[in-house]
Amino acid sequence: MNKSRYLILFLIILAAVGGGWLYVQHRATPQEMAIDFVQPAKGKNTAIFAAYSADGIISGYVIDYLKKLKEIAPNIIFITDNPMPAAEAEKLRPYVVRIEARRHGEYDWGSYKRGYNWLKEKGLMAADGGRLIFANDSALAVAPSLLPILKAAEESGADVFGITANQDGFYHLQSYFLIFTPRVYTAPEFGAYLNAVKPEKDGLMVAYRYEVPFTGYLEQLGFSHASLIPYKELSYLPLNDKNCYPLTMLSKYHTPLLKMRTFTERLNVQEPRRLVFNWLKKNAPEAYRLLLAHLEKIKSPYLKEAR
């Protein structure tokens, strides 16, 4: 009888341990999901945040960005072009109202499209709404607050407001951070443009098809635009994409967002990355710490320049 009791007890413990292991494994396994954490607040600013992570793990710099973004946009819709572990989704709960995590292959513009369509379905793309922000994880939030960007957008009087512009192809606001008034996002043409987005072979083609023509498209509809760092002030910098001069953008123009491509081969950086690291370490130590953690995660070859 005692042996039977011990066997039953052993089986109960084994089942509990095994079940716990399966639960942990489930939470750590990337999976497609759509989760509504809270109901969006009507009339408040809303951000659609586009992201991508090859392993489904959310880097600390993204959480920091969302924390700062929430100051100016209480409603954040987080759309990532990959499945995500349930444990990672919990990291987002304090900052976002909704998560969509599934592979769609349309890059950031496909995520913007999905966020916009969900908001429209919920009746939140209305004329009495707040401003709509497009943002993505291609930038490091260097500034301690994003409130000055919102203030500058409001004071500009522009219908569309960005951080920087680019002359590649032709003049356009860069889509890693854009702010729209209700006048813009309630226009049928705005939704039509987003819903024309389809899968492309790479990010360069996405930029060519959707980012580059967007400012001109809105301008033809009668919408005005402006940028936090006016392009004409950067005309002395030879390359069209002024993000190729990250140290100048940080030290002279106080850009609140630094492109993460600075630390990859996908940006033709014209200034020593070593000096960029030094500037961040001195002037934005928390952003610097989060940047290093991410570069270690992705095994960036440029990490050695921070040493």
Protein backbone atom coordinates (compact mmCIF):
# COMPACT_ATOMS: atom_id res chain seq x y z
CA MET A 1 0.00 0.00 0.00
CA ASN A 2 2.79 2.40 0.90
CA LYS A 3 4.53 1.65 -2.39
CA SER A 4 1.32 2.50 -4.25
CA ARG A 5 1.03 5.81 -2.40
CA TYR A 6 4.64 6.67 -3.25
CA LEU A 7 4.02 5.77 -6.88
CA ILE A 8 0.91 7.97 -7.06
CA LEU A 9 2.78 10.84 -5.38
CA PHE A 10 5.68 10.42 -7.82
CA LEU A 11 3.30 10.49 -10.78
CA ILE A 12 1.59 13.65 -9.47
CA ILE A 13 4.94 15.40 -9.05
CA LEU A 14 6.08 14.24 -12.49
CA ALA A 15 2.88 15.54 -14.10
CA ALA A 16 3.21 18.87 -12.29
CA VAL A 17 6.84 19.33 -13.33
CA GLY A 18 6.13 18.21 -16.88
CA GLY A 19 3.13 20.51 -17.15
CA GLY A 20 5.16 23.41 -15.83
CA TRP A 21 7.91 22.73 -18.34
CA LEU A 22 5.39 22.62 -21.18
CA TYR A 23 3.88 25.90 -19.98
CA VAL A 24 7.28 27.58 -19.89
CA GLN A 25 8.14 26.16 -23.31
CA HIS A 26 4.83 27.41 -24.70
CA ARG A 27 5.44 30.93 -23.40
CA ALA A 28 8.91 30.92 -24.94
CA THR A 29 7.84 29.62 -28.36
CA PRO A 30 7.06 32.29 -31.00
CA GLN A 31 3.42 32.18 -32.03
CA GLU A 32 1.05 34.32 -34.04
CA MET A 33 -1.25 36.41 -31.90
CA ALA A 34 -3.59 39.36 -31.74
CA ILE A 35 -4.23 40.68 -28.23
CA ASP A 36 -6.28 43.67 -27.08
CA PHE A 37 -5.00 44.71 -23.66
CA VAL A 38 -7.25 47.74 -23.13
CA GLN A 39 -9.82 49.71 -25.09
CA PRO A 40 -8.26 52.68 -26.91
CA ALA A 41 -9.25 56.08 -25.55
CA LYS A 42 -11.25 58.11 -28.07
CA GLY A 43 -10.01 61.58 -28.93
CA LYS A 44 -6.44 60.84 -27.82
CA ASN A 45 -3.30 60.67 -29.92
CA THR A 46 -2.68 57.23 -31.38
CA ALA A 47 0.54 55.64 -32.63
CA ILE A 48 0.96 52.65 -34.90
CA PHE A 49 4.34 51.17 -34.03
CA ALA A 50 5.82 48.82 -36.64
CA ALA A 51 8.43 46.28 -35.57
CA TYR A 52 10.34 43.20 -36.64
CA SER A 53 12.45 40.70 -34.72
CA ALA A 54 13.96 37.60 -36.31
CA ASP A 55 13.78 35.64 -33.04
CA GLY A 56 10.63 37.28 -31.68
CA ILE A 57 12.50 38.82 -28.74
CA ILE A 58 11.84 42.50 -28.04
CA SER A 59 15.01 44.49 -27.38
CA GLY A 60 15.22 46.89 -24.46
CA TYR A 61 15.62 49.93 -26.71
CA VAL A 62 12.18 49.17 -28.20
CA ILE A 63 10.57 49.09 -24.74
CA ASP A 64 12.29 52.38 -23.91
CA TYR A 65 10.99 53.91 -27.15
CA LEU A 66 7.43 52.74 -26.41
CA LYS A 67 7.62 54.17 -22.90
CA LYS A 68 8.54 57.59 -24.32
CA LEU A 69 6.05 57.31 -27.17
CA LYS A 70 3.22 56.69 -24.72
CA GLU A 71 3.79 60.18 -23.30
CA ILE A 72 2.57 61.71 -26.55
CA ALA A 73 0.30 58.90 -27.78
CA PRO A 74 -1.71 57.11 -25.07
CA ASN A 75 -3.01 54.62 -27.66
CA ILE A 76 -0.19 52.53 -29.15
CA ILE A 77 -0.95 49.74 -31.61
CA PHE A 78 2.06 47.41 -31.83
CA ILE A 79 2.26 45.50 -35.12
CA THR A 80 5.22 43.20 -35.63
CA ASP A 81 6.03 41.32 -38.84
CA ASN A 82 6.83 38.10 -36.99
CA PRO A 83 5.35 35.69 -34.45
CA MET A 84 6.20 36.39 -30.83
CA PRO A 85 6.52 34.36 -27.61
CA ALA A 86 3.72 34.97 -25.12
CA ALA A 87 6.30 35.96 -22.52
CA GLU A 88 7.50 38.77 -24.81
CA ALA A 89 3.96 40.03 -25.32
CA GLU A 90 3.71 40.59 -21.58
CA LYS A 91 6.57 43.08 -21.80
CA LEU A 92 4.33 45.26 -23.95
CA ARG A 93 1.27 45.23 -21.70
CA PRO A 94 2.11 48.47 -19.80
CA TYR A 95 2.59 50.45 -23.00
CA VAL A 96 0.28 49.27 -25.79
CA VAL A 97 -3.44 48.81 -26.25
CA ARG A 98 -3.13 46.12 -28.91
CA ILE A 99 -0.58 43.65 -30.31
CA GLU A 100 -0.62 41.94 -33.66
CA ALA A 101 2.24 39.51 -34.19
CA ARG A 102 2.25 37.56 -37.42
CA ARG A 103 4.37 37.31 -40.54
CA HIS A 104 2.96 39.43 -43.36
CA GLY A 105 6.07 40.24 -45.42
CA GLU A 106 5.08 43.85 -46.11
CA TYR A 107 7.65 45.47 -43.82
CA ASP A 108 6.79 48.61 -41.85
CA TRP A 109 4.24 49.90 -44.35
CA GLY A 110 2.30 46.65 -44.09
CA SER A 111 2.24 47.10 -40.33
CA TYR A 112 1.07 50.70 -40.69
CA LYS A 113 -1.67 49.44 -43.00
CA ARG A 114 -2.85 46.80 -40.54
CA GLY A 115 -2.86 49.21 -37.62
CA TYR A 116 -4.80 51.80 -39.60
CA ASN A 117 -7.42 49.27 -40.74
CA TRP A 118 -7.94 48.03 -37.19
CA LEU A 119 -8.36 51.59 -35.92
CA LYS A 120 -10.81 52.40 -38.69
CA GLU A 121 -12.79 49.24 -37.93
CA LYS A 122 -13.04 50.42 -34.32
CA GLY A 123 -14.28 53.85 -35.41
CA LEU A 124 -11.16 55.64 -34.18
CA MET A 125 -10.14 57.25 -37.48
CA ALA A 126 -12.60 60.12 -36.95
CA ALA A 127 -12.35 63.89 -37.43
CA ASP A 128 -12.64 64.47 -33.67
CA GLY A 129 -9.71 62.15 -32.94
CA GLY A 130 -6.22 63.11 -31.89
CA ARG A 131 -3.15 62.98 -34.07
CA LEU A 132 -1.99 59.75 -35.66
CA ILE A 133 1.68 58.78 -35.46
CA PHE A 134 3.59 56.27 -37.55
CA ALA A 135 6.72 55.06 -35.75
CA ASN A 136 8.93 52.00 -35.96
CA ASP A 137 11.80 50.17 -34.33
CA SER A 138 14.38 51.37 -36.87
CA ALA A 139 15.35 54.21 -34.53
CA LEU A 140 16.87 54.58 -31.07
CA ALA A 141 15.04 57.09 -28.84
CA VAL A 142 17.98 59.27 -27.78
CA ALA A 143 15.99 62.17 -26.31
CA PRO A 144 14.65 61.75 -22.75
CA SER A 145 11.18 62.79 -23.98
CA LEU A 146 9.33 62.98 -27.28
CA LEU A 147 7.07 65.80 -26.11
CA PRO A 148 9.14 68.45 -27.94
CA ILE A 149 8.43 66.66 -31.24
CA LEU A 150 4.69 66.83 -30.67
CA LYS A 151 4.92 70.48 -29.66
CA ALA A 152 6.93 71.29 -32.80
CA ALA A 153 4.37 69.45 -34.95
CA GLU A 154 1.52 71.43 -33.41
CA GLU A 155 3.35 74.75 -33.73
CA SER A 156 4.28 74.09 -37.37
CA GLY A 157 0.65 74.04 -38.44
CA ALA A 158 1.55 71.31 -40.95
CA ASP A 159 -0.84 68.50 -41.81
CA VAL A 160 2.04 66.02 -41.94
CA PHE A 161 5.15 66.33 -39.79
CA GLY A 162 8.34 64.26 -39.72
CA ILE A 163 11.76 64.29 -38.08
CA THR A 164 13.88 64.31 -41.24
CA ALA A 165 13.46 64.40 -44.98
CA ASN A 166 15.38 62.82 -47.84
CA GLN A 167 16.05 63.73 -51.46
CA ASP A 168 16.65 60.20 -52.78
CA GLY A 169 14.28 59.85 -55.73
CA PHE A 170 12.68 63.15 -54.85
CA TYR A 171 11.96 65.09 -51.68
CA HIS A 172 10.03 63.15 -49.04
CA LEU A 173 9.58 62.95 -45.29
CA GLN A 174 11.17 59.80 -43.93
CA SER A 175 8.60 57.36 -42.65
CA TYR A 176 10.31 56.12 -39.49
CA PHE A 177 8.39 58.86 -37.64
CA LEU A 178 5.41 60.75 -39.05
CA ILE A 179 2.59 62.71 -37.39
CA PHE A 180 -0.75 63.28 -39.14
CA THR A 181 -3.67 65.54 -38.28
CA PRO A 182 -7.21 64.13 -38.49
CA ARG A 183 -7.65 66.11 -41.71
CA VAL A 184 -5.12 63.78 -43.35
CA TYR A 185 -5.97 60.38 -41.96
CA THR A 186 -9.72 60.78 -42.44
CA ALA A 187 -9.24 61.43 -46.16
CA PRO A 188 -10.26 58.38 -48.22
CA GLU A 189 -7.06 58.73 -50.24
CA PHE A 190 -4.98 58.13 -47.11
CA GLY A 191 -6.54 54.73 -46.50
CA ALA A 192 -6.42 53.91 -50.21
CA TYR A 193 -2.66 54.53 -50.29
CA LEU A 194 -2.05 52.26 -47.30
CA ASN A 195 -4.28 49.52 -48.63
CA ALA A 196 -2.32 49.44 -51.89
CA VAL A 197 0.71 48.16 -49.92
CA LYS A 198 1.67 44.61 -50.86
CA PRO A 199 4.63 42.28 -50.22
CA GLU A 200 7.91 43.38 -51.82
CA LYS A 201 11.20 41.56 -52.26
CA ASP A 202 13.13 43.78 -49.84
CA GLY A 203 13.04 46.94 -47.75
CA LEU A 204 14.59 49.07 -50.50
CA MET A 205 11.69 48.29 -52.81
CA VAL A 206 9.24 49.13 -50.01
CA ALA A 207 10.91 52.53 -49.60
CA TYR A 208 10.84 53.13 -53.36
CA ARG A 209 7.18 52.19 -53.78
CA TYR A 210 5.64 53.62 -50.61
CA GLU A 211 7.90 55.95 -48.59
CA VAL A 212 9.38 58.05 -51.41
CA PRO A 213 6.11 58.96 -53.22
CA PHE A 214 4.04 59.49 -50.04
CA THR A 215 4.85 63.14 -49.26
CA GLY A 216 4.24 64.21 -52.86
CA TYR A 217 1.02 62.21 -52.96
CA LEU A 218 -0.30 64.02 -49.88
CA GLU A 219 0.92 67.36 -51.18
CA GLN A 220 -1.08 66.89 -54.38
CA LEU A 221 -4.15 66.36 -52.21
CA GLY A 222 -3.58 69.78 -50.64
CA PHE A 223 -1.90 68.73 -47.41
CA SER A 224 1.05 70.71 -46.05
CA HIS A 225 4.18 69.14 -44.58
CA ALA A 226 7.17 70.08 -42.45
CA SER A 227 10.06 68.42 -40.62
CA LEU A 228 11.68 68.93 -37.24
CA ILE A 229 15.09 69.29 -38.89
CA PRO A 230 14.50 71.22 -42.14
CA TYR A 231 16.20 69.61 -45.10
CA LYS A 232 17.48 72.92 -46.47
CA GLU A 233 19.52 73.44 -43.29
CA LEU A 234 21.41 70.24 -44.11
CA SER A 235 22.13 71.08 -47.75
CA TYR A 236 25.88 71.40 -47.06
CA LEU A 237 25.99 67.66 -46.28
CA PRO A 238 26.63 65.96 -49.67
CA LEU A 239 24.60 62.74 -49.42
CA ASN A 240 20.82 62.86 -49.85
CA ASP A 241 20.11 60.84 -46.71
CA LYS A 242 21.33 63.08 -43.91
CA ASN A 243 21.18 60.18 -41.46
CA CYS A 244 24.51 59.21 -43.02
CA TYR A 245 25.96 61.93 -40.75
CA PRO A 246 24.86 60.63 -37.33
CA LEU A 247 27.34 62.61 -35.23
CA THR A 248 26.30 65.87 -36.88
CA MET A 249 22.63 65.01 -36.49
CA LEU A 250 23.13 64.31 -32.79
CA SER A 251 25.55 67.04 -31.76
CA LYS A 252 24.49 69.94 -33.99
CA TYR A 253 20.81 69.29 -34.71
CA HIS A 254 19.88 67.37 -31.56
CA THR A 255 17.91 64.69 -33.35
CA PRO A 256 15.65 62.90 -30.85
CA LEU A 257 15.84 59.64 -32.82
CA LEU A 258 18.98 57.98 -34.17
CA LYS A 259 18.63 55.50 -37.03
CA MET A 260 19.71 52.02 -35.96
CA ARG A 261 21.08 51.47 -39.47
CA THR A 262 24.00 53.59 -38.27
CA PHE A 263 25.35 50.38 -36.78
CA THR A 264 24.79 48.15 -39.81
CA GLU A 265 26.10 48.00 -43.36
CA ARG A 266 22.78 49.32 -44.70
CA LEU A 267 23.66 52.98 -44.15
CA ASN A 268 26.54 54.76 -45.87
CA VAL A 269 27.82 56.32 -42.65
CA GLN A 270 30.18 59.22 -43.30
CA GLU A 271 31.36 59.87 -39.75
CA PRO A 272 33.31 57.60 -37.37
CA ARG A 273 30.97 55.33 -35.46
CA ARG A 274 33.47 55.43 -32.61
CA LEU A 275 32.68 59.13 -32.12
CA VAL A 276 28.95 58.42 -32.29
CA PHE A 277 29.34 55.86 -29.51
CA ASN A 278 31.36 58.36 -27.46
CA TRP A 279 28.71 61.04 -27.90
CA LEU A 280 25.94 58.70 -26.80
CA LYS A 281 27.92 57.45 -23.82
CA LYS A 282 28.43 61.02 -22.60
CA ASN A 283 25.11 62.62 -23.51
CA ALA A 284 22.55 59.80 -23.54
CA PRO A 285 23.92 57.06 -21.24
CA GLU A 286 20.69 55.06 -20.96
CA ALA A 287 20.16 55.01 -24.71
CA TYR A 288 23.83 54.05 -25.06
CA ARG A 289 23.40 51.13 -22.64
CA LEU A 290 20.32 49.86 -24.46
CA LEU A 291 22.06 50.23 -27.82
CA LEU A 292 25.02 48.14 -26.67
CA ALA A 293 22.70 45.43 -25.35
CA HIS A 294 20.93 45.24 -28.70
CA LEU A 295 24.18 45.19 -30.69
CA GLU A 296 25.42 42.35 -28.50
CA LYS A 297 22.13 40.50 -29.14
CA ILE A 298 22.48 40.77 -32.93
CA LYS A 299 26.26 40.28 -32.82
CA SER A 300 26.98 43.53 -34.62
CA PRO A 301 30.53 43.80 -36.00
CA TYR A 302 30.50 47.49 -35.10
CA LEU A 303 30.19 46.80 -31.38
CA LYS A 304 33.98 46.73 -31.11
CA GLU A 305 34.05 50.45 -31.98
CA ALA A 306 32.32 51.16 -28.67
CA ARG A 307 35.15 49.62 -26.69
